[in-house]
Amino acid sequence: MTKPLEGIKIIDFTHVQAGPACTQLLAWFGADVIKVERPGSGDVTRNQLRDIPDADALYFTMLNSNKKSLTLDTKKPEGKEVLERLIRESDVLVENFGPGALDRMGFSWERLNELNPKMIVASVKGFSDGHHYDDLKVYENVAQCAGGAASTTGFWDGPPTISAAALGDSNTGMHLAIGILTALLGRDKTGKGQKVAVSMQDSVLNLCRVKLRDQQRLERVGYLEEYPQYPHGEFSDVVPRGGNAGGGGQPGWVLKCKGWETDPNAYIYFTIQGHAWEPICKALGKPEWIDDAAYKTAEARQPHIFEIFGTIEAWLADKTKFEAVDILRKFDIPCAPVLTMKELANDPSLRASGTIVEVPHKKRGSYLTVGSPIKFSDMKPEVTASPLLGEHTEEVLASLGYSRQDIFNLREIKAV
């Protein structure tokens, strides 16, 4: 099967998570992604949090599947010459170096444009160009704080909280992938390449748009009716932390199920949507609530929403999270079990859909990783193992016209 991005060659100059998440997605969809790494060491995540001595860490394998690895010392003239050849034949260069690193390497935008006017240069940044923090080094949790996620996550009587979801890293990579694909379509029309940049702060903020919505509502009316603080608590002039309340305006909460005393994840998330109130009452065995003026409308329910959640929790007391969801879904009530990583890893539905995949690796043996979250009717992306360090160096050099003797010479001077 021909994949949509076959024929697109990408130079992957990224490391850690945001950039590799972007290029891995494009590799799944058929792009020829060549990961350029430092000889002898490679991406720092190869060695981070290892669980098997002398084998690439899961941190690396789960972000670099379907790629080729080329080791290259771009500080050497011979390494620069290899990179120049590669640039002339490639479509996209993706990087997440610090500010000015490419320029110092001798590959400014002007030079790249001279070598290949059709080249798209895509960059992951901590902050957008011109931002007063644009020289600040940014990691996942830094981005979550700078993008507004941390200040609005957690409980109102506790500190700002970081999400386990990679809002700063993988989320930025997804945004950059969209930018690259857009630039490729634009190039089809203009024949010219361009620069594409996504900042981690901007990407986090993009996912926090409902909180920016709430800031404006708060400034206008002084309270947020769907937050647990309403109507009995007080609001300041900034969006507060709302615990497990729903961001869409529908009251929701994490509720205990059977076994919560010993299982820290024996919970479900339960949402009370307006149109679902009647089915909720029927499911709970509370038909009298349907037309009761104290419960009938969302406005009436909000002052004692936690009393309602308490009643629901009492109903859940003799049901496991899975039993509860199986009952509630028959009433079309929005809810979900709180699933652990272990439960997700062994979920047969996720295995069947390709969301969780088992991949054989030359040194690790088989390992689990995520597959494509995007599903297609005419394509099922195949996930292959991440490359060993320098595994494809000879193959890539040969494709660039280097002879066996040339490759031997490059190895001798440790340029590759």
Protein backbone atom coordinates (compact mmCIF):
# COMPACT_ATOMS: atom_id res chain seq x y z
CA MET A 1 0.00 0.00 0.00
CA THR A 2 1.32 3.41 -0.92
CA LYS A 3 1.42 5.71 2.09
CA PRO A 4 0.45 9.38 1.72
CA LEU A 5 3.86 10.78 2.70
CA GLU A 6 6.00 8.38 0.69
CA GLY A 7 8.59 10.36 -1.27
CA ILE A 8 8.91 13.02 1.44
CA LYS A 9 12.40 13.00 2.98
CA ILE A 10 12.81 14.53 6.41
CA ILE A 11 16.02 15.40 8.25
CA ASP A 12 15.28 14.86 11.92
CA PHE A 13 17.63 17.02 14.01
CA THR A 14 15.44 16.69 17.10
CA HIS A 15 15.96 15.06 20.46
CA VAL A 16 14.05 14.16 23.64
CA GLN A 17 10.25 14.34 23.04
CA ALA A 18 8.55 17.27 21.26
CA GLY A 19 10.49 17.04 17.99
CA PRO A 20 10.72 13.23 17.89
CA ALA A 21 6.96 12.95 18.50
CA CYS A 22 6.41 15.15 15.45
CA THR A 23 8.76 13.26 13.13
CA GLN A 24 7.56 9.85 14.34
CA LEU A 25 4.00 10.75 13.36
CA LEU A 26 5.17 11.72 9.87
CA ALA A 27 7.23 8.52 9.63
CA TRP A 28 4.14 6.45 10.47
CA PHE A 29 2.40 8.05 7.51
CA GLY A 30 5.17 7.16 5.07
CA ALA A 31 7.82 9.91 5.24
CA ASP A 32 11.47 8.83 5.05
CA VAL A 33 12.73 10.24 8.36
CA ILE A 34 16.49 10.31 8.84
CA LYS A 35 17.43 10.97 12.45
CA VAL A 36 20.81 12.72 12.56
CA GLU A 37 22.66 11.86 15.76
CA ARG A 38 26.03 12.52 17.34
CA PRO A 39 28.46 9.60 16.83
CA GLY A 40 28.97 7.54 19.96
CA SER A 41 26.11 9.00 21.99
CA GLY A 42 23.06 9.94 19.93
CA ASP A 43 19.80 11.23 21.35
CA VAL A 44 20.13 11.65 25.12
CA THR A 45 16.97 9.61 25.68
CA ARG A 46 18.73 6.47 24.45
CA ASN A 47 20.30 6.31 27.90
CA GLN A 48 17.68 7.94 30.11
CA LEU A 49 15.72 5.80 32.58
CA ARG A 50 17.07 2.55 31.21
CA ASP A 51 15.41 -0.68 32.30
CA ILE A 52 17.76 -2.98 30.35
CA PRO A 53 21.53 -2.37 30.54
CA ASP A 54 23.18 -1.53 27.20
CA ALA A 55 19.86 -1.35 25.34
CA ASP A 56 18.06 1.78 24.19
CA ALA A 57 15.69 3.09 26.85
CA LEU A 58 11.95 2.94 26.32
CA TYR A 59 11.97 6.73 26.36
CA PHE A 60 13.84 6.59 23.04
CA THR A 61 12.15 3.58 21.46
CA MET A 62 8.64 4.94 22.01
CA LEU A 63 9.39 8.23 20.23
CA ASN A 64 11.57 7.10 17.33
CA SER A 65 9.90 4.18 15.60
CA ASN A 66 9.90 3.93 11.79
CA LYS A 67 13.01 6.15 11.47
CA LYS A 68 16.54 5.71 10.17
CA SER A 69 19.58 6.69 12.23
CA LEU A 70 22.53 8.51 10.64
CA THR A 71 25.47 9.37 12.87
CA LEU A 72 27.17 12.58 11.77
CA ASP A 73 29.66 15.01 13.28
CA THR A 74 28.65 18.34 11.81
CA LYS A 75 31.61 20.06 13.47
CA LYS A 76 33.93 18.38 10.97
CA PRO A 77 34.10 19.72 7.38
CA GLU A 78 33.40 16.24 6.04
CA GLY A 79 30.30 15.99 8.23
CA LYS A 80 29.08 19.37 7.01
CA GLU A 81 29.55 18.22 3.42
CA VAL A 82 27.41 15.14 4.07
CA LEU A 83 24.71 17.32 5.61
CA GLU A 84 24.78 19.69 2.63
CA ARG A 85 24.20 16.78 0.28
CA LEU A 86 21.35 15.56 2.45
CA ILE A 87 19.75 19.00 2.57
CA ARG A 88 19.80 19.29 -1.23
CA GLU A 89 17.83 16.04 -1.49
CA SER A 90 15.39 16.52 1.39
CA ASP A 91 12.05 18.23 1.79
CA VAL A 92 11.96 19.10 5.48
CA LEU A 93 14.46 19.76 8.26
CA VAL A 94 13.05 19.55 11.79
CA GLU A 95 15.07 20.87 14.74
CA ASN A 96 14.70 21.72 18.41
CA PHE A 97 18.13 23.16 19.11
CA GLY A 98 18.59 26.18 21.34
CA PRO A 99 18.28 29.65 19.75
CA GLY A 100 21.00 30.31 17.15
CA ALA A 101 22.43 26.75 17.16
CA LEU A 102 21.80 26.15 13.46
CA ASP A 103 23.36 29.50 12.60
CA ARG A 104 26.48 28.65 14.59
CA MET A 105 26.62 25.33 12.80
CA GLY A 106 26.78 27.22 9.51
CA PHE A 107 23.24 26.40 8.42
CA SER A 108 21.29 29.61 8.79
CA TRP A 109 17.92 29.97 7.09
CA GLU A 110 19.64 31.89 4.29
CA ARG A 111 22.18 29.10 3.77
CA LEU A 112 19.52 26.39 3.86
CA ASN A 113 17.43 28.34 1.37
CA GLU A 114 20.47 28.68 -0.86
CA LEU A 115 21.14 24.92 -0.74
CA ASN A 116 17.50 24.02 -1.28
CA PRO A 117 14.91 26.74 -2.01
CA LYS A 118 12.13 24.16 -1.51
CA MET A 119 13.30 23.21 1.98
CA ILE A 120 10.83 23.56 4.84
CA VAL A 121 12.61 24.26 8.12
CA ALA A 122 10.45 23.37 11.12
CA SER A 123 11.44 24.35 14.65
CA VAL A 124 10.27 23.55 18.16
CA LYS A 125 10.79 26.51 20.47
CA GLY A 126 10.14 27.15 24.14
CA PHE A 127 8.64 30.58 23.46
CA SER A 128 7.84 32.37 20.22
CA ASP A 129 10.43 34.59 18.56
CA GLY A 130 10.50 37.99 20.20
CA HIS A 131 9.04 36.78 23.49
CA HIS A 132 10.89 38.19 26.50
CA TYR A 133 11.64 34.60 27.61
CA ASP A 134 12.78 33.40 24.18
CA ASP A 135 16.24 32.51 25.54
CA LEU A 136 14.83 30.37 28.37
CA LYS A 137 15.37 26.60 28.25
CA VAL A 138 11.99 24.88 28.35
CA TYR A 139 10.97 21.39 29.35
CA GLU A 140 7.55 19.75 29.73
CA ASN A 141 6.64 21.08 33.15
CA VAL A 142 8.08 24.52 32.42
CA ALA A 143 5.80 24.73 29.38
CA GLN A 144 2.75 23.66 31.38
CA CYS A 145 3.41 26.44 33.87
CA ALA A 146 4.16 29.07 31.23
CA GLY A 147 1.13 28.08 29.12
CA GLY A 148 -1.47 28.41 31.88
CA ALA A 149 -2.20 24.71 32.40
CA ALA A 150 -0.64 24.35 35.86
CA SER A 151 -2.36 27.38 37.37
CA THR A 152 -5.77 25.95 36.46
CA THR A 153 -5.08 22.29 37.35
CA GLY A 154 -5.51 20.74 40.79
CA PHE A 155 -7.69 21.62 43.76
CA TRP A 156 -8.45 25.11 44.97
CA ASP A 157 -6.87 24.51 48.38
CA GLY A 158 -3.61 23.14 46.95
CA PRO A 159 -0.73 24.28 44.74
CA PRO A 160 -0.72 24.41 40.92
CA THR A 161 -0.46 20.89 39.50
CA ILE A 162 1.30 19.42 36.48
CA SER A 163 -0.65 17.10 34.18
CA ALA A 164 0.75 13.66 33.37
CA ALA A 165 -0.22 14.24 29.75
CA ALA A 166 2.65 15.70 27.71
CA LEU A 167 0.96 19.01 27.00
CA GLY A 168 4.28 20.75 26.45
CA ASP A 169 6.19 18.06 24.56
CA SER A 170 4.11 15.63 22.49
CA ASN A 171 1.34 18.19 22.08
CA THR A 172 3.83 20.66 20.59
CA GLY A 173 5.06 17.92 18.27
CA MET A 174 1.51 17.32 17.01
CA HIS A 175 1.09 21.03 16.32
CA LEU A 176 4.39 21.12 14.44
CA ALA A 177 3.37 18.13 12.32
CA ILE A 178 0.25 20.03 11.26
CA GLY A 179 2.43 23.03 10.41
CA ILE A 180 4.79 20.91 8.31
CA LEU A 181 1.96 19.29 6.36
CA THR A 182 0.43 22.71 5.75
CA ALA A 183 3.77 24.05 4.50
CA LEU A 184 4.15 21.05 2.18
CA LEU A 185 0.73 21.76 0.67
CA GLY A 186 1.70 25.41 0.34
CA ARG A 187 4.89 24.45 -1.44
CA ASP A 188 2.86 22.50 -3.98
CA LYS A 189 1.24 25.82 -4.92
CA THR A 190 4.21 28.19 -4.70
CA GLY A 191 7.23 25.96 -5.30
CA LYS A 192 8.94 27.58 -2.31
CA GLY A 193 9.89 26.36 1.12
CA GLN A 194 9.38 28.32 4.31
CA LYS A 195 10.08 28.37 8.03
CA VAL A 196 7.56 26.82 10.41
CA ALA A 197 7.84 27.27 14.16
CA VAL A 198 5.75 26.14 17.12
CA SER A 199 6.44 27.19 20.68
CA MET A 200 5.71 24.99 23.66
CA GLN A 201 4.05 27.85 25.52
CA ASP A 202 1.72 28.53 22.58
CA SER A 203 0.82 24.84 22.22
CA VAL A 204 -0.11 24.49 25.88
CA LEU A 205 -2.15 27.68 25.75
CA ASN A 206 -3.96 26.41 22.66
CA LEU A 207 -5.19 23.46 24.73
CA CYS A 208 -6.20 25.81 27.56
CA ARG A 209 -8.49 27.98 25.46
CA VAL A 210 -11.53 27.20 27.62
CA LYS A 211 -9.64 28.63 30.60
CA LEU A 212 -8.95 31.79 28.61
CA ARG A 213 -12.68 31.82 27.91
CA ASP A 214 -13.31 31.54 31.65
CA GLN A 215 -10.93 34.39 32.45
CA GLN A 216 -12.99 36.73 30.29
CA ARG A 217 -16.27 35.49 31.76
CA LEU A 218 -14.90 35.92 35.27
CA GLU A 219 -13.83 39.50 34.56
CA ARG A 220 -17.30 40.29 33.23
CA VAL A 221 -19.58 38.66 35.84
CA GLY A 222 -17.30 37.94 38.82
CA TYR A 223 -18.02 34.21 39.17
CA LEU A 224 -17.98 30.95 37.20
CA GLU A 225 -21.18 29.05 37.74
CA GLU A 226 -19.88 25.61 36.71
CA TYR A 227 -16.94 25.64 39.15
CA PRO A 228 -17.29 23.93 42.58
CA GLN A 229 -16.66 27.31 44.28
CA TYR A 230 -20.07 28.54 43.07
CA PRO A 231 -22.28 29.61 44.77
CA HIS A 232 -20.87 29.18 48.29
CA GLY A 233 -17.19 30.06 47.70
CA GLU A 234 -15.41 33.21 46.65
CA PHE A 235 -13.68 34.00 43.37
CA SER A 236 -10.60 36.16 42.94
CA ASP A 237 -9.78 37.94 39.68
CA VAL A 238 -8.08 34.91 38.08
CA VAL A 239 -9.45 31.55 36.92
CA PRO A 240 -9.19 29.20 39.91
CA ARG A 241 -8.33 25.55 40.11
CA GLY A 242 -11.53 23.57 39.85
CA GLY A 243 -10.56 20.08 40.97
CA ASN A 244 -12.28 17.55 38.73
CA ALA A 245 -14.97 19.88 37.42
CA GLY A 246 -15.63 19.70 33.69
CA GLY A 247 -14.23 22.44 31.50
CA GLY A 248 -17.21 22.31 29.14
CA GLY A 249 -19.69 23.71 31.63
CA GLN A 250 -21.18 20.33 32.62
CA PRO A 251 -20.73 19.42 36.32
CA GLY A 252 -18.55 16.33 36.62
CA TRP A 253 -16.52 14.63 39.34
CA VAL A 254 -14.38 11.59 40.10
CA LEU A 255 -16.40 9.26 42.34
CA LYS A 256 -15.44 6.25 44.47
CA CYS A 257 -16.46 2.75 43.45
CA LYS A 258 -16.29 -0.62 45.18
CA GLY A 259 -12.76 -1.34 46.38
CA TRP A 260 -11.50 2.24 46.59
CA GLU A 261 -10.13 1.60 50.08
CA THR A 262 -7.36 -0.62 48.66
CA ASP A 263 -7.32 0.34 44.98
CA PRO A 264 -6.30 3.98 44.36
CA ASN A 265 -7.93 3.83 40.91
CA ALA A 266 -11.31 2.32 41.80
CA TYR A 267 -13.13 5.42 40.56
CA ILE A 268 -15.25 6.59 37.67
CA TYR A 269 -15.70 10.03 36.16
CA PHE A 270 -19.36 10.99 36.14
CA THR A 271 -20.79 13.95 34.25
CA ILE A 272 -24.22 15.48 34.83
CA GLN A 273 -25.30 16.89 31.48
CA GLY A 274 -28.63 18.68 31.31
CA HIS A 275 -30.18 16.38 28.73
CA ALA A 276 -29.03 13.34 30.72
CA TRP A 277 -30.68 14.32 34.00
CA GLU A 278 -33.77 12.17 33.51
CA PRO A 279 -31.75 9.03 32.57
CA ILE A 280 -29.44 9.69 35.54
CA CYS A 281 -32.42 9.75 37.91
CA LYS A 282 -33.75 6.51 36.44
CA ALA A 283 -30.37 4.79 36.64
CA LEU A 284 -29.95 5.79 40.29
CA GLY A 285 -33.46 4.77 41.25
CA LYS A 286 -34.41 8.39 41.99
CA PRO A 287 -37.37 9.05 39.64
CA GLU A 288 -38.73 11.63 42.11
CA TRP A 289 -35.79 13.91 41.26
CA ILE A 290 -36.87 14.29 37.63
CA ASP A 291 -39.52 16.93 38.28
CA ASP A 292 -38.37 18.13 41.70
CA ALA A 293 -37.82 21.90 41.53
CA ALA A 294 -34.71 21.53 43.70
CA TYR A 295 -33.06 19.29 41.07
CA LYS A 296 -34.83 19.83 37.76
CA THR A 297 -32.49 22.46 36.26
CA ALA A 298 -28.74 22.85 36.21
CA GLU A 299 -29.10 26.16 38.04
CA ALA A 300 -31.14 24.51 40.78
CA ARG A 301 -28.72 21.60 41.13
CA GLN A 302 -25.50 23.61 41.40
CA PRO A 303 -25.90 24.80 45.06
CA HIS A 304 -26.01 21.19 46.25
CA ILE A 305 -24.10 19.45 43.47
CA PHE A 306 -21.86 17.65 45.96
CA GLU A 307 -24.88 16.24 47.78
CA ILE A 308 -25.95 14.80 44.43
CA PHE A 309 -22.48 13.38 43.83
CA GLY A 310 -22.65 11.89 47.35
CA THR A 311 -25.87 10.10 46.47
CA ILE A 312 -24.30 8.77 43.27
CA GLU A 313 -21.24 7.61 45.23
CA ALA A 314 -23.50 5.71 47.65
CA TRP A 315 -25.09 4.00 44.62
CA LEU A 316 -21.57 3.09 43.40
CA ALA A 317 -20.47 1.59 46.72
CA ASP A 318 -21.26 -2.03 45.76
CA LYS A 319 -20.20 -1.77 42.11
CA THR A 320 -16.74 -1.96 40.56
CA LYS A 321 -15.84 0.83 38.16
CA PHE A 322 -16.40 -1.50 35.21
CA GLU A 323 -19.77 -2.73 36.50
CA ALA A 324 -20.89 0.85 37.09
CA VAL A 325 -19.96 2.03 33.60
CA ASP A 326 -21.65 -1.00 32.04
CA ILE A 327 -24.91 0.00 33.78
CA LEU A 328 -24.63 3.74 33.15
CA ARG A 329 -23.75 3.53 29.46
CA LYS A 330 -27.08 1.80 28.83
CA PHE A 331 -28.70 5.06 29.96
CA ASP A 332 -26.41 7.13 27.68
CA ILE A 333 -24.81 8.82 30.68
CA PRO A 334 -21.35 10.36 30.05
CA CYS A 335 -18.89 8.49 32.29
CA ALA A 336 -15.69 6.46 32.20
CA PRO A 337 -13.65 4.22 34.49
CA VAL A 338 -10.37 5.69 35.72
CA LEU A 339 -8.02 3.40 33.80
CA THR A 340 -4.45 2.67 34.86
CA MET A 341 -1.50 2.32 32.49
CA LYS A 342 -1.54 -1.43 33.22
CA GLU A 343 -5.21 -1.71 32.27
CA LEU A 344 -4.64 0.29 29.10
CA ALA A 345 -1.60 -1.76 28.14
CA ASN A 346 -3.68 -4.95 28.30
CA ASP A 347 -6.89 -3.59 26.79
CA PRO A 348 -7.83 -5.92 23.89
CA SER A 349 -9.76 -3.16 22.11
CA LEU A 350 -6.70 -0.89 22.07
CA ARG A 351 -4.52 -3.75 20.83
CA ALA A 352 -6.99 -4.57 18.05
CA SER A 353 -7.25 -0.96 16.89
CA GLY A 354 -3.48 -0.42 16.82
CA THR A 355 -3.57 2.21 19.55
CA ILE A 356 -1.28 0.00 21.65
CA VAL A 357 1.21 -2.09 19.67
CA GLU A 358 3.88 -4.64 20.48
CA VAL A 359 7.08 -4.08 18.52
CA PRO A 360 10.09 -6.42 18.16
CA HIS A 361 13.48 -4.76 18.76
CA LYS A 362 16.95 -6.08 17.91
CA LYS A 363 18.36 -5.57 21.40
CA ARG A 364 15.37 -5.12 23.72
CA GLY A 365 13.14 -7.90 22.47
CA SER A 366 9.46 -6.95 22.22
CA TYR A 367 8.15 -3.81 23.89
CA LEU A 368 4.85 -1.97 24.01
CA THR A 369 4.40 1.46 22.51
CA VAL A 370 1.63 3.71 21.29
CA GLY A 371 0.47 3.42 17.72
CA SER A 372 -1.17 6.05 15.56
CA PRO A 373 -4.05 7.79 17.35
CA ILE A 374 -5.32 8.82 13.92
CA LYS A 375 -7.29 6.14 12.09
CA PHE A 376 -7.82 5.95 8.33
CA SER A 377 -10.27 3.95 6.24
CA ASP A 378 -7.67 3.06 3.59
CA MET A 379 -4.48 2.86 5.64
CA LYS A 380 -3.33 1.26 8.87
CA PRO A 381 0.02 2.77 9.88
CA GLU A 382 2.59 0.10 10.68
CA VAL A 383 4.84 0.73 13.66
CA THR A 384 8.39 -0.60 13.31
CA ALA A 385 11.23 -0.59 15.83
CA SER A 386 13.31 2.46 16.59
CA PRO A 387 16.76 2.36 14.95
CA LEU A 388 19.97 1.43 16.70
CA LEU A 389 22.47 4.27 16.87
CA GLY A 390 23.92 4.76 13.38
CA GLU A 391 22.10 1.70 12.05
CA HIS A 392 21.40 3.31 8.65
CA THR A 393 24.52 5.45 8.25
CA GLU A 394 25.98 3.41 5.41
CA GLU A 395 22.62 3.13 3.65
CA VAL A 396 21.99 6.88 3.79
CA LEU A 397 25.52 7.76 2.63
CA ALA A 398 25.26 5.34 -0.29
CA SER A 399 21.96 6.95 -1.31
CA LEU A 400 23.78 10.30 -1.38
CA GLY A 401 26.36 8.96 -3.83
CA TYR A 402 29.19 8.06 -1.46
CA SER A 403 31.28 5.07 -2.49
CA ARG A 404 32.36 2.28 -0.13
CA GLN A 405 35.82 3.86 0.08
CA ASP A 406 34.29 7.27 0.85
CA ILE A 407 32.23 5.74 3.63
CA PHE A 408 35.27 3.96 5.02
CA ASN A 409 37.22 7.24 5.02
CA LEU A 410 34.40 9.06 6.80
CA ARG A 411 34.34 6.37 9.46
CA GLU A 412 38.11 6.53 9.85
CA ILE A 413 38.05 10.23 10.69
CA LYS A 414 34.94 9.68 12.82
CA ALA A 415 32.86 12.13 10.81
CA VAL A 416 30.06 9.54 10.85
